[in-house]
Every structure is written in structure tokens, then in C-alpha cells.
Amino acid sequence: MDLAIIYELRANDVSEEHIELIMNRVKNRLTEENIDKELVKLGYPKIFTVDYDEYDNYDFDDDYSPSHKGNYEEID
């Protein structure tokens, strides 16, 4: 078994029962994608992979500018 994978699963609050189940299911095809598929089937979020298509749903504004730029009163 890959101890680093088990450590990550434990660190992300996956139950010991589910860790054992996942590792048994993917033992002959141990990849990050397969582990995440099993996590999702059990109701957990993905841990090892990122679905970049989901980021298309967000509108990021890279042109951030403060609304009160330089509008300060001088105090005598």
C-alpha cells in the first residue's frame, strides 16, 4: 500500500473503513484519478485531482482596482 496516499486520505477526514474500501477497489489500478473517482462515489470531494472545467463557471476579475484610489482629504 502507498502510505502517502493513506496519509492524505486520513488528513482529509476519510474514514478508516472507506480508506480500506477504496484501497481494495483500486489496488490493481492505483492512480490519483481512480482514488478520486472512488472518493466521489462515497460522497467525498476529490483530493488528488482538479477538474479544471469547473473553473470555467467562475468569472475572475484580474483588473482589480480600488474604488477610492487617491481620494483623501488633507488635514491641516
C-alpha atoms as a PDB file:
ATOM      1  CA  MET A   1       0.000   0.000   0.000  1.00  0.00           C
ATOM      2  CA  ASP A   2       1.078   3.556  -0.632  1.00  0.00           C
ATOM      3  CA  LEU A   3       1.435   5.190   2.784  1.00  0.00           C
ATOM      4  CA  ALA A   4       1.473   8.722   1.331  1.00  0.00           C
ATOM      5  CA  ILE A   5      -1.972   8.178  -0.198  1.00  0.00           C
ATOM      6  CA  ILE A   6      -3.334   6.760   3.047  1.00  0.00           C
ATOM      7  CA  TYR A   7      -1.868   9.710   4.954  1.00  0.00           C
ATOM      8  CA  GLU A   8      -3.615  12.170   2.587  1.00  0.00           C
ATOM      9  CA  LEU A   9      -6.908  10.343   2.915  1.00  0.00           C
ATOM     10  CA  ARG A  10      -6.667  10.427   6.708  1.00  0.00           C
ATOM     11  CA  ALA A  11      -5.655  14.097   6.669  1.00  0.00           C
ATOM     12  CA  ASN A  12      -8.809  14.829   4.676  1.00  0.00           C
ATOM     13  CA  ASP A  13     -11.064  13.066   7.200  1.00  0.00           C
ATOM     14  CA  VAL A  14     -11.846   9.970   5.130  1.00  0.00           C
ATOM     15  CA  SER A  15     -12.990   7.227   7.495  1.00  0.00           C
ATOM     16  CA  GLU A  16     -10.726   4.218   8.035  1.00  0.00           C
ATOM     17  CA  GLU A  17     -13.468   1.953   6.702  1.00  0.00           C
ATOM     18  CA  HIS A  18     -13.675   3.946   3.474  1.00  0.00           C
ATOM     19  CA  ILE A  19      -9.882   4.115   3.127  1.00  0.00           C
ATOM     20  CA  GLU A  20      -9.722   0.319   3.286  1.00  0.00           C
ATOM     21  CA  LEU A  21     -12.590   0.014   0.795  1.00  0.00           C
ATOM     22  CA  ILE A  22     -11.003   2.480  -1.643  1.00  0.00           C
ATOM     23  CA  MET A  23      -7.562   0.880  -1.455  1.00  0.00           C
ATOM     24  CA  ASN A  24      -9.082  -2.565  -2.097  1.00  0.00           C
ATOM     25  CA  ARG A  25     -11.025  -1.276  -5.100  1.00  0.00           C
ATOM     26  CA  VAL A  26      -8.020   0.435  -6.728  1.00  0.00           C
ATOM     27  CA  LYS A  27      -5.231  -1.963  -5.726  1.00  0.00           C
ATOM     28  CA  ASN A  28      -4.623  -3.143  -9.318  1.00  0.00           C
ATOM     29  CA  ARG A  29      -5.136   0.295 -10.847  1.00  0.00           C
ATOM     30  CA  LEU A  30      -3.679   2.666  -8.286  1.00  0.00           C
ATOM     31  CA  THR A  31      -3.857   6.167  -9.738  1.00  0.00           C
ATOM     32  CA  GLU A  32      -4.880   9.501  -8.278  1.00  0.00           C
ATOM     33  CA  GLU A  33      -7.786   9.685 -10.721  1.00  0.00           C
ATOM     34  CA  ASN A  34      -9.121   6.278  -9.676  1.00  0.00           C
ATOM     35  CA  ILE A  35      -8.857   7.146  -5.985  1.00  0.00           C
ATOM     36  CA  ASP A  36     -10.762  10.393  -6.556  1.00  0.00           C
ATOM     37  CA  LYS A  37     -13.462   8.517  -8.511  1.00  0.00           C
ATOM     38  CA  GLU A  38     -13.952   6.195  -5.552  1.00  0.00           C
ATOM     39  CA  LEU A  39     -13.993   9.135  -3.128  1.00  0.00           C
ATOM     40  CA  VAL A  40     -16.740  10.839  -5.126  1.00  0.00           C
ATOM     41  CA  LYS A  41     -18.770   7.599  -5.228  1.00  0.00           C
ATOM     42  CA  LEU A  42     -18.631   7.558  -1.420  1.00  0.00           C
ATOM     43  CA  GLY A  43     -19.673  11.215  -1.126  1.00  0.00           C
ATOM     44  CA  TYR A  44     -16.263  12.798  -0.510  1.00  0.00           C
ATOM     45  CA  PRO A  45     -14.748  15.625  -2.549  1.00  0.00           C
ATOM     46  CA  LYS A  46     -11.795  14.928  -4.809  1.00  0.00           C
ATOM     47  CA  ILE A  47      -8.433  15.155  -3.046  1.00  0.00           C
ATOM     48  CA  PHE A  48      -5.787  14.318  -5.623  1.00  0.00           C
ATOM     49  CA  THR A  49      -7.050  15.765  -8.899  1.00  0.00           C
ATOM     50  CA  VAL A  50      -8.594  19.035 -10.063  1.00  0.00           C
ATOM     51  CA  ASP A  51     -11.371  19.349 -12.622  1.00  0.00           C
ATOM     52  CA  TYR A  52     -10.344  22.496 -14.481  1.00  0.00           C
ATOM     53  CA  ASP A  53     -13.613  22.544 -16.423  1.00  0.00           C
ATOM     54  CA  GLU A  54     -15.366  23.532 -13.193  1.00  0.00           C
ATOM     55  CA  TYR A  55     -13.290  26.716 -13.045  1.00  0.00           C
ATOM     56  CA  ASP A  56     -14.921  27.932 -16.255  1.00  0.00           C
ATOM     57  CA  ASN A  57     -18.029  28.622 -14.188  1.00  0.00           C
ATOM     58  CA  TYR A  58     -16.257  31.358 -12.248  1.00  0.00           C
ATOM     59  CA  ASP A  59     -15.731  34.880 -13.517  1.00  0.00           C
ATOM     60  CA  PHE A  60     -12.415  36.130 -12.228  1.00  0.00           C
ATOM     61  CA  ASP A  61     -11.709  39.854 -12.484  1.00  0.00           C
ATOM     62  CA  ASP A  62      -7.974  40.229 -12.966  1.00  0.00           C
ATOM     63  CA  ASP A  63      -8.246  44.002 -13.379  1.00  0.00           C
ATOM     64  CA  TYR A  64      -8.761  44.808  -9.710  1.00  0.00           C
ATOM     65  CA  SER A  65      -8.549  48.482  -8.899  1.00  0.00           C
ATOM     66  CA  PRO A  66      -9.554  50.107  -5.627  1.00  0.00           C
ATOM     67  CA  SER A  67     -12.611  52.323  -5.890  1.00  0.00           C
ATOM     68  CA  HIS A  68     -11.164  55.151  -3.759  1.00  0.00           C
ATOM     69  CA  LYS A  69      -7.752  55.471  -5.297  1.00  0.00           C
ATOM     70  CA  GLY A  70      -6.102  58.685  -4.085  1.00  0.00           C
ATOM     71  CA  ASN A  71      -9.278  60.443  -2.905  1.00  0.00           C
ATOM     72  CA  TYR A  72      -8.054  61.511   0.507  1.00  0.00           C
ATOM     73  CA  GLU A  73      -8.627  64.872   2.144  1.00  0.00           C
ATOM     74  CA  GLU A  74      -5.650  66.697   3.563  1.00  0.00           C
ATOM     75  CA  ILE A  75      -5.950  67.557   7.237  1.00  0.00           C
ATOM     76  CA  ASP A  76      -4.274  70.796   8.405  1.00  0.00           C
END
